[in-house]
Amino acid sequence: MALTGKKRSLTVEITKTLAGETVDGYPRTYLGTLSFSHAGIDYPAIDAEQLALIPVEQYQARLAAFIAHVETQEAGLIISEVQTNEPYYTP
């Protein structure tokens, strides 16, 4: 794999708590490298190397679609308004 100088991640872990207790079925992890559909567009599964090498515009489009996809799976979630941890990279 050629080095691109970029570390990209499309992974989000959602944790829900109620009265200080984790809700059954959580935490849930969503991987944007797996295939998913949003707004009538099918995004195929890609591996870490493909993710690192796609053009910035394609990455940003996939990221936006992935965020919207996760928000549709998690009622009431607005990713831009929740606490997030520093991104991490998993090869």
PDB file of N, CA and C in Angstrom:
ATOM      1  N   MET A   1       0.841  -1.173   0.000  1.00  0.00           N
ATOM      2  CA  MET A   1       0.000   0.000   0.000  1.00  0.00           C
ATOM      3  C   MET A   1       0.886   1.236   0.000  1.00  0.00           C
ATOM      4  N   ALA A   2       0.587   2.156  -0.868  1.00  0.00           N
ATOM      5  CA  ALA A   2       1.312   3.423  -0.901  1.00  0.00           C
ATOM      6  C   ALA A   2       0.849   4.295   0.254  1.00  0.00           C
ATOM      7  N   LEU A   3       1.793   4.987   0.850  1.00  0.00           N
ATOM      8  CA  LEU A   3       1.430   5.883   1.947  1.00  0.00           C
ATOM      9  C   LEU A   3       0.762   7.124   1.389  1.00  0.00           C
ATOM     10  N   THR A   4      -0.339   7.503   1.972  1.00  0.00           N
ATOM     11  CA  THR A   4      -1.084   8.673   1.506  1.00  0.00           C
ATOM     12  C   THR A   4      -0.941   9.859   2.449  1.00  0.00           C
ATOM     13  N   GLY A   5      -0.410   9.615   3.657  1.00  0.00           N
ATOM     14  CA  GLY A   5      -0.318  10.685   4.636  1.00  0.00           C
ATOM     15  C   GLY A   5      -1.637  10.947   5.339  1.00  0.00           C
ATOM     16  N   LYS A   6      -2.641  10.133   5.068  1.00  0.00           N
ATOM     17  CA  LYS A   6      -3.960  10.336   5.645  1.00  0.00           C
ATOM     18  C   LYS A   6      -4.372   9.110   6.460  1.00  0.00           C
ATOM     19  N   LYS A   7      -4.938   9.370   7.620  1.00  0.00           N
ATOM     20  CA  LYS A   7      -5.577   8.314   8.399  1.00  0.00           C
ATOM     21  C   LYS A   7      -7.053   8.630   8.373  1.00  0.00           C
ATOM     22  N   ARG A   8      -7.823   7.710   7.883  1.00  0.00           N
ATOM     23  CA  ARG A   8      -9.266   7.920   7.780  1.00  0.00           C
ATOM     24  C   ARG A   8      -9.984   6.820   8.536  1.00  0.00           C
ATOM     25  N   SER A   9     -11.092   7.189   9.090  1.00  0.00           N
ATOM     26  CA  SER A   9     -11.903   6.215   9.797  1.00  0.00           C
ATOM     27  C   SER A   9     -13.365   6.464   9.486  1.00  0.00           C
ATOM     28  N   LEU A  10     -14.093   5.394   9.344  1.00  0.00           N
ATOM     29  CA  LEU A  10     -15.547   5.457   9.203  1.00  0.00           C
ATOM     30  C   LEU A  10     -16.132   4.489  10.226  1.00  0.00           C
ATOM     31  N   THR A  11     -15.787   4.708  11.468  1.00  0.00           N
ATOM     32  CA  THR A  11     -16.264   3.867  12.555  1.00  0.00           C
ATOM     33  C   THR A  11     -16.878   4.753  13.616  1.00  0.00           C
ATOM     34  N   VAL A  12     -18.055   4.367  14.071  1.00  0.00           N
ATOM     35  CA  VAL A  12     -18.681   5.096  15.173  1.00  0.00           C
ATOM     36  C   VAL A  12     -19.280   4.069  16.132  1.00  0.00           C
ATOM     37  N   GLU A  13     -19.062   4.313  17.418  1.00  0.00           N
ATOM     38  CA  GLU A  13     -19.649   3.469  18.458  1.00  0.00           C
ATOM     39  C   GLU A  13     -20.664   4.304  19.214  1.00  0.00           C
ATOM     40  N   ILE A  14     -21.882   3.791  19.300  1.00  0.00           N
ATOM     41  CA  ILE A  14     -22.972   4.480  19.984  1.00  0.00           C
ATOM     42  C   ILE A  14     -23.227   3.776  21.307  1.00  0.00           C
ATOM     43  N   THR A  15     -23.238   4.546  22.383  1.00  0.00           N
ATOM     44  CA  THR A  15     -23.571   4.022  23.699  1.00  0.00           C
ATOM     45  C   THR A  15     -24.781   4.790  24.211  1.00  0.00           C
ATOM     46  N   LYS A  16     -25.784   4.073  24.664  1.00  0.00           N
ATOM     47  CA  LYS A  16     -26.965   4.704  25.262  1.00  0.00           C
ATOM     48  C   LYS A  16     -27.062   4.282  26.711  1.00  0.00           C
ATOM     49  N   THR A  17     -27.341   5.261  27.560  1.00  0.00           N
ATOM     50  CA  THR A  17     -27.551   4.951  28.969  1.00  0.00           C
ATOM     51  C   THR A  17     -28.886   5.523  29.412  1.00  0.00           C
ATOM     52  N   LEU A  18     -29.483   4.858  30.367  1.00  0.00           N
ATOM     53  CA  LEU A  18     -30.741   5.291  30.964  1.00  0.00           C
ATOM     54  C   LEU A  18     -30.577   5.147  32.466  1.00  0.00           C
ATOM     55  N   ALA A  19     -30.709   6.252  33.175  1.00  0.00           N
ATOM     56  CA  ALA A  19     -30.521   6.264  34.633  1.00  0.00           C
ATOM     57  C   ALA A  19     -29.159   5.688  35.002  1.00  0.00           C
ATOM     58  N   GLY A  20     -28.135   6.006  34.195  1.00  0.00           N
ATOM     59  CA  GLY A  20     -26.781   5.566  34.480  1.00  0.00           C
ATOM     60  C   GLY A  20     -26.463   4.149  34.074  1.00  0.00           C
ATOM     61  N   GLU A  21     -27.436   3.442  33.515  1.00  0.00           N
ATOM     62  CA  GLU A  21     -27.230   2.051  33.099  1.00  0.00           C
ATOM     63  C   GLU A  21     -27.226   1.965  31.582  1.00  0.00           C
ATOM     64  N   THR A  22     -26.329   1.162  31.037  1.00  0.00           N
ATOM     65  CA  THR A  22     -26.275   0.970  29.593  1.00  0.00           C
ATOM     66  C   THR A  22     -27.529   0.227  29.130  1.00  0.00           C
ATOM     67  N   VAL A  23     -28.167   0.754  28.088  1.00  0.00           N
ATOM     68  CA  VAL A  23     -29.372   0.162  27.519  1.00  0.00           C
ATOM     69  C   VAL A  23     -29.003  -1.148  26.822  1.00  0.00           C
ATOM     70  N   ASP A  24     -29.888  -2.176  26.950  1.00  0.00           N
ATOM     71  CA  ASP A  24     -29.658  -3.451  26.280  1.00  0.00           C
ATOM     72  C   ASP A  24     -29.416  -3.228  24.792  1.00  0.00           C
ATOM     73  N   GLY A  25     -28.461  -3.958  24.252  1.00  0.00           N
ATOM     74  CA  GLY A  25     -28.144  -3.858  22.830  1.00  0.00           C
ATOM     75  C   GLY A  25     -27.075  -2.824  22.523  1.00  0.00           C
ATOM     76  N   TYR A  26     -26.593  -2.141  23.545  1.00  0.00           N
ATOM     77  CA  TYR A  26     -25.555  -1.124  23.376  1.00  0.00           C
ATOM     78  C   TYR A  26     -24.343  -1.520  24.193  1.00  0.00           C
ATOM     79  N   PRO A  27     -23.186  -1.062  23.791  1.00  0.00           N
ATOM     80  CA  PRO A  27     -22.899  -0.163  22.675  1.00  0.00           C
ATOM     81  C   PRO A  27     -23.048  -0.878  21.332  1.00  0.00           C
ATOM     82  N   ARG A  28     -23.312  -0.081  20.298  1.00  0.00           N
ATOM     83  CA  ARG A  28     -23.394  -0.559  18.922  1.00  0.00           C
ATOM     84  C   ARG A  28     -22.277   0.103  18.118  1.00  0.00           C
ATOM     85  N   THR A  29     -21.652  -0.669  17.276  1.00  0.00           N
ATOM     86  CA  THR A  29     -20.588  -0.145  16.426  1.00  0.00           C
ATOM     87  C   THR A  29     -21.051  -0.197  14.981  1.00  0.00           C
ATOM     88  N   TYR A  30     -20.900   0.918  14.298  1.00  0.00           N
ATOM     89  CA  TYR A  30     -21.226   1.022  12.878  1.00  0.00           C
ATOM     90  C   TYR A  30     -19.929   1.223  12.116  1.00  0.00           C
ATOM     91  N   LEU A  31     -19.763   0.448  11.056  1.00  0.00           N
ATOM     92  CA  LEU A  31     -18.560   0.515  10.235  1.00  0.00           C
ATOM     93  C   LEU A  31     -18.912   1.013   8.840  1.00  0.00           C
ATOM     94  N   GLY A  32     -18.408   2.164   8.502  1.00  0.00           N
ATOM     95  CA  GLY A  32     -18.676   2.742   7.188  1.00  0.00           C
ATOM     96  C   GLY A  32     -17.885   2.102   6.071  1.00  0.00           C
ATOM     97  N   THR A  33     -17.010   1.164   6.415  1.00  0.00           N
ATOM     98  CA  THR A  33     -16.303   0.420   5.376  1.00  0.00           C
ATOM     99  C   THR A  33     -17.124  -0.778   4.907  1.00  0.00           C
ATOM    100  N   LEU A  34     -18.166  -1.122   5.656  1.00  0.00           N
ATOM    101  CA  LEU A  34     -19.089  -2.163   5.199  1.00  0.00           C
ATOM    102  C   LEU A  34     -20.066  -1.540   4.213  1.00  0.00           C
ATOM    103  N   SER A  35     -20.739  -2.375   3.450  1.00  0.00           N
ATOM    104  CA  SER A  35     -21.709  -1.837   2.495  1.00  0.00           C
ATOM    105  C   SER A  35     -22.914  -1.267   3.247  1.00  0.00           C
ATOM    106  N   PHE A  36     -23.458  -0.179   2.700  1.00  0.00           N
ATOM    107  CA  PHE A  36     -24.672   0.416   3.242  1.00  0.00           C
ATOM    108  C   PHE A  36     -25.339   1.219   2.137  1.00  0.00           C
ATOM    109  N   SER A  37     -26.595   1.563   2.349  1.00  0.00           N
ATOM    110  CA  SER A  37     -27.345   2.370   1.389  1.00  0.00           C
ATOM    111  C   SER A  37     -27.859   3.612   2.081  1.00  0.00           C
ATOM    112  N   HIS A  38     -27.857   4.713   1.336  1.00  0.00           N
ATOM    113  CA  HIS A  38     -28.442   5.941   1.851  1.00  0.00           C
ATOM    114  C   HIS A  38     -28.914   6.783   0.675  1.00  0.00           C
ATOM    115  N   ALA A  39     -30.120   7.304   0.780  1.00  0.00           N
ATOM    116  CA  ALA A  39     -30.704   8.189  -0.231  1.00  0.00           C
ATOM    117  C   ALA A  39     -30.662   7.560  -1.623  1.00  0.00           C
ATOM    118  N   GLY A  40     -30.905   6.262  -1.663  1.00  0.00           N
ATOM    119  CA  GLY A  40     -30.963   5.571  -2.951  1.00  0.00           C
ATOM    120  C   GLY A  40     -29.613   5.241  -3.559  1.00  0.00           C
ATOM    121  N   ILE A  41     -28.541   5.486  -2.827  1.00  0.00           N
ATOM    122  CA  ILE A  41     -27.202   5.169  -3.329  1.00  0.00           C
ATOM    123  C   ILE A  41     -26.652   4.007  -2.518  1.00  0.00           C
ATOM    124  N   ASP A  42     -26.154   3.000  -3.222  1.00  0.00           N
ATOM    125  CA  ASP A  42     -25.534   1.853  -2.576  1.00  0.00           C
ATOM    126  C   ASP A  42     -24.032   2.085  -2.500  1.00  0.00           C
ATOM    127  N   TYR A  43     -23.491   2.023  -1.295  1.00  0.00           N
ATOM    128  CA  TYR A  43     -22.057   2.167  -1.077  1.00  0.00           C
ATOM    129  C   TYR A  43     -21.488   0.769  -0.838  1.00  0.00           C
ATOM    130  N   PRO A  44     -20.567   0.323  -1.689  1.00  0.00           N
ATOM    131  CA  PRO A  44     -20.028  -1.027  -1.527  1.00  0.00           C
ATOM    132  C   PRO A  44     -19.038  -1.091  -0.362  1.00  0.00           C
ATOM    133  N   ALA A  45     -18.805  -2.285   0.117  1.00  0.00           N
ATOM    134  CA  ALA A  45     -17.795  -2.486   1.148  1.00  0.00           C
ATOM    135  C   ALA A  45     -16.427  -2.142   0.558  1.00  0.00           C
ATOM    136  N   ILE A  46     -15.582  -1.534   1.386  1.00  0.00           N
ATOM    137  CA  ILE A  46     -14.215  -1.229   0.977  1.00  0.00           C
ATOM    138  C   ILE A  46     -13.274  -1.604   2.108  1.00  0.00           C
ATOM    139  N   ASP A  47     -12.023  -1.858   1.768  1.00  0.00           N
ATOM    140  CA  ASP A  47     -11.057  -2.195   2.813  1.00  0.00           C
ATOM    141  C   ASP A  47     -10.259  -0.959   3.207  1.00  0.00           C
ATOM    142  N   ALA A  48      -9.399  -1.099   4.201  1.00  0.00           N
ATOM    143  CA  ALA A  48      -8.642   0.037   4.736  1.00  0.00           C
ATOM    144  C   ALA A  48      -7.771   0.684   3.658  1.00  0.00           C
ATOM    145  N   GLU A  49      -7.183  -0.116   2.793  1.00  0.00           N
ATOM    146  CA  GLU A  49      -6.338   0.442   1.735  1.00  0.00           C
ATOM    147  C   GLU A  49      -7.163   1.274   0.758  1.00  0.00           C
ATOM    148  N   GLN A  50      -8.306   0.750   0.339  1.00  0.00           N
ATOM    149  CA  GLN A  50      -9.178   1.508  -0.562  1.00  0.00           C
ATOM    150  C   GLN A  50      -9.637   2.806   0.090  1.00  0.00           C
ATOM    151  N   LEU A  51      -9.980   2.744   1.378  1.00  0.00           N
ATOM    152  CA  LEU A  51     -10.418   3.938   2.101  1.00  0.00           C
ATOM    153  C   LEU A  51      -9.318   4.997   2.115  1.00  0.00           C
ATOM    154  N   ALA A  52      -8.077   4.556   2.314  1.00  0.00           N
ATOM    155  CA  ALA A  52      -6.960   5.496   2.366  1.00  0.00           C
ATOM    156  C   ALA A  52      -6.670   6.125   1.008  1.00  0.00           C
ATOM    157  N   LEU A  53      -6.994   5.421  -0.060  1.00  0.00           N
ATOM    158  CA  LEU A  53      -6.597   5.871  -1.392  1.00  0.00           C
ATOM    159  C   LEU A  53      -7.680   6.599  -2.182  1.00  0.00           C
ATOM    160  N   ILE A  54      -8.936   6.554  -1.737  1.00  0.00           N
ATOM    161  CA  ILE A  54      -9.962   7.240  -2.522  1.00  0.00           C
ATOM    162  C   ILE A  54      -9.746   8.748  -2.439  1.00  0.00           C
ATOM    163  N   PRO A  55     -10.122   9.460  -3.491  1.00  0.00           N
ATOM    164  CA  PRO A  55      -9.968  10.920  -3.474  1.00  0.00           C
ATOM    165  C   PRO A  55     -10.751  11.553  -2.321  1.00  0.00           C
ATOM    166  N   VAL A  56     -10.266  12.706  -1.871  1.00  0.00           N
ATOM    167  CA  VAL A  56     -10.869  13.407  -0.734  1.00  0.00           C
ATOM    168  C   VAL A  56     -12.362  13.624  -0.952  1.00  0.00           C
ATOM    169  N   GLU A  57     -12.757  14.023  -2.139  1.00  0.00           N
ATOM    170  CA  GLU A  57     -14.172  14.295  -2.414  1.00  0.00           C
ATOM    171  C   GLU A  57     -15.017  13.042  -2.238  1.00  0.00           C
ATOM    172  N   GLN A  58     -14.503  11.887  -2.679  1.00  0.00           N
ATOM    173  CA  GLN A  58     -15.243  10.629  -2.524  1.00  0.00           C
ATOM    174  C   GLN A  58     -15.319  10.235  -1.053  1.00  0.00           C
ATOM    175  N   TYR A  59     -14.222  10.456  -0.324  1.00  0.00           N
ATOM    176  CA  TYR A  59     -14.238  10.156   1.104  1.00  0.00           C
ATOM    177  C   TYR A  59     -15.268  11.034   1.827  1.00  0.00           C
ATOM    178  N   GLN A  60     -15.255  12.319   1.520  1.00  0.00           N
ATOM    179  CA  GLN A  60     -16.190  13.235   2.179  1.00  0.00           C
ATOM    180  C   GLN A  60     -17.638  12.888   1.848  1.00  0.00           C
ATOM    181  N   ALA A  61     -17.900  12.473   0.614  1.00  0.00           N
ATOM    182  CA  ALA A  61     -19.255  12.074   0.231  1.00  0.00           C
ATOM    183  C   ALA A  61     -19.671  10.805   0.979  1.00  0.00           C
ATOM    184  N   ARG A  62     -18.760   9.836   1.068  1.00  0.00           N
ATOM    185  CA  ARG A  62     -19.078   8.607   1.783  1.00  0.00           C
ATOM    186  C   ARG A  62     -19.263   8.889   3.265  1.00  0.00           C
ATOM    187  N   LEU A  63     -18.419   9.742   3.844  1.00  0.00           N
ATOM    188  CA  LEU A  63     -18.540  10.103   5.251  1.00  0.00           C
ATOM    189  C   LEU A  63     -19.892  10.755   5.529  1.00  0.00           C
ATOM    190  N   ALA A  64     -20.292  11.706   4.703  1.00  0.00           N
ATOM    191  CA  ALA A  64     -21.584  12.386   4.896  1.00  0.00           C
ATOM    192  C   ALA A  64     -22.738  11.392   4.798  1.00  0.00           C
ATOM    193  N   ALA A  65     -22.668  10.492   3.818  1.00  0.00           N
ATOM    194  CA  ALA A  65     -23.718   9.484   3.662  1.00  0.00           C
ATOM    195  C   ALA A  65     -23.727   8.520   4.850  1.00  0.00           C
ATOM    196  N   PHE A  66     -22.545   8.144   5.328  1.00  0.00           N
ATOM    197  CA  PHE A  66     -22.438   7.234   6.469  1.00  0.00           C
ATOM    198  C   PHE A  66     -23.038   7.874   7.724  1.00  0.00           C
ATOM    199  N   ILE A  67     -22.717   9.140   7.965  1.00  0.00           N
ATOM    200  CA  ILE A  67     -23.278   9.852   9.120  1.00  0.00           C
ATOM    201  C   ILE A  67     -24.800   9.878   9.019  1.00  0.00           C
ATOM    202  N   ALA A  68     -25.322  10.224   7.855  1.00  0.00           N
ATOM    203  CA  ALA A  68     -26.777  10.264   7.666  1.00  0.00           C
ATOM    204  C   ALA A  68     -27.385   8.877   7.854  1.00  0.00           C
ATOM    205  N   HIS A  69     -26.710   7.849   7.368  1.00  0.00           N
ATOM    206  CA  HIS A  69     -27.186   6.462   7.520  1.00  0.00           C
ATOM    207  C   HIS A  69     -27.270   6.084   9.003  1.00  0.00           C
ATOM    208  N   VAL A  70     -26.221   6.377   9.760  1.00  0.00           N
ATOM    209  CA  VAL A  70     -26.220   6.050  11.192  1.00  0.00           C
ATOM    210  C   VAL A  70     -27.319   6.819  11.904  1.00  0.00           C
ATOM    211  N   GLU A  71     -27.489   8.081  11.568  1.00  0.00           N
ATOM    212  CA  GLU A  71     -28.537   8.883  12.208  1.00  0.00           C
ATOM    213  C   GLU A  71     -29.933   8.324  11.925  1.00  0.00           C
ATOM    214  N   THR A  72     -30.132   7.696  10.766  1.00  0.00           N
ATOM    215  CA  THR A  72     -31.438   7.084  10.490  1.00  0.00           C
ATOM    216  C   THR A  72     -31.624   5.787  11.283  1.00  0.00           C
ATOM    217  N   GLN A  73     -30.528   5.140  11.658  1.00  0.00           N
ATOM    218  CA  GLN A  73     -30.601   3.899  12.431  1.00  0.00           C
ATOM    219  C   GLN A  73     -30.814   4.173  13.918  1.00  0.00           C
ATOM    220  N   GLU A  74     -30.372   5.334  14.370  1.00  0.00           N
ATOM    221  CA  GLU A  74     -30.435   5.691  15.793  1.00  0.00           C
ATOM    222  C   GLU A  74     -31.356   6.901  15.960  1.00  0.00           C
ATOM    223  N   ALA A  75     -32.608   6.639  16.283  1.00  0.00           N
ATOM    224  CA  ALA A  75     -33.615   7.699  16.389  1.00  0.00           C
ATOM    225  C   ALA A  75     -33.153   8.823  17.310  1.00  0.00           C
ATOM    226  N   GLY A  76     -33.225  10.040  16.793  1.00  0.00           N
ATOM    227  CA  GLY A  76     -32.898  11.216  17.581  1.00  0.00           C
ATOM    228  C   GLY A  76     -31.428  11.579  17.625  1.00  0.00           C
ATOM    229  N   LEU A  77     -30.562  10.755  17.072  1.00  0.00           N
ATOM    230  CA  LEU A  77     -29.133  11.032  17.093  1.00  0.00           C
ATOM    231  C   LEU A  77     -28.768  12.086  16.049  1.00  0.00           C
ATOM    232  N   ILE A  78     -28.025  13.082  16.484  1.00  0.00           N
ATOM    233  CA  ILE A  78     -27.441  14.061  15.579  1.00  0.00           C
ATOM    234  C   ILE A  78     -25.949  14.058  15.886  1.00  0.00           C
ATOM    235  N   ILE A  79     -25.199  13.394  15.051  1.00  0.00           N
ATOM    236  CA  ILE A  79     -23.788  13.144  15.332  1.00  0.00           C
ATOM    237  C   ILE A  79     -23.014  14.431  15.583  1.00  0.00           C
ATOM    238  N   SER A  80     -23.310  15.478  14.863  1.00  0.00           N
ATOM    239  CA  SER A  80     -22.554  16.717  15.045  1.00  0.00           C
ATOM    240  C   SER A  80     -22.810  17.372  16.401  1.00  0.00           C
ATOM    241  N   GLU A  81     -23.833  16.944  17.119  1.00  0.00           N
ATOM    242  CA  GLU A  81     -24.177  17.554  18.399  1.00  0.00           C
ATOM    243  C   GLU A  81     -23.855  16.695  19.615  1.00  0.00           C
ATOM    244  N   VAL A  82     -23.261  15.536  19.403  1.00  0.00           N
ATOM    245  CA  VAL A  82     -22.966  14.658  20.537  1.00  0.00           C
ATOM    246  C   VAL A  82     -21.480  14.676  20.837  1.00  0.00           C
ATOM    247  N   GLN A  83     -21.158  14.243  22.046  1.00  0.00           N
ATOM    248  CA  GLN A  83     -19.757  14.174  22.442  1.00  0.00           C
ATOM    249  C   GLN A  83     -19.080  13.080  21.641  1.00  0.00           C
ATOM    250  N   THR A  84     -17.948  13.405  21.090  1.00  0.00           N
ATOM    251  CA  THR A  84     -17.172  12.402  20.368  1.00  0.00           C
ATOM    252  C   THR A  84     -15.773  12.340  20.947  1.00  0.00           C
ATOM    253  N   ASN A  85     -15.173  11.197  20.804  1.00  0.00           N
ATOM    254  CA  ASN A  85     -13.789  11.018  21.219  1.00  0.00           C
ATOM    255  C   ASN A  85     -12.885  11.304  20.036  1.00  0.00           C
ATOM    256  N   GLU A  86     -11.625  11.400  20.306  1.00  0.00           N
ATOM    257  CA  GLU A  86     -10.678  11.593  19.218  1.00  0.00           C
ATOM    258  C   GLU A  86     -10.790  10.405  18.264  1.00  0.00           C
ATOM    259  N   PRO A  87     -10.704  10.665  16.959  1.00  0.00           N
ATOM    260  CA  PRO A  87     -10.781   9.558  16.009  1.00  0.00           C
ATOM    261  C   PRO A  87      -9.577   8.640  16.163  1.00  0.00           C
ATOM    262  N   TYR A  88      -9.786   7.395  15.855  1.00  0.00           N
ATOM    263  CA  TYR A  88      -8.685   6.445  15.897  1.00  0.00           C
ATOM    264  C   TYR A  88      -8.671   5.666  14.608  1.00  0.00           C
ATOM    265  N   TYR A  89      -7.566   5.086  14.310  1.00  0.00           N
ATOM    266  CA  TYR A  89      -7.398   4.358  13.057  1.00  0.00           C
ATOM    267  C   TYR A  89      -7.143   2.900  13.378  1.00  0.00           C
ATOM    268  N   THR A  90      -7.912   2.022  12.749  1.00  0.00           N
ATOM    269  CA  THR A  90      -7.718   0.584  12.902  1.00  0.00           C
ATOM    270  C   THR A  90      -7.421   0.006  11.529  1.00  0.00           C
ATOM    271  N   PRO A  91      -6.225  -0.507  11.334  1.00  0.00           N
ATOM    272  CA  PRO A  91      -5.899  -1.052   9.998  1.00  0.00           C
ATOM    273  C   PRO A  91      -6.679  -2.302   9.705  1.00  0.00           C
TER     274      PRO A  91
END
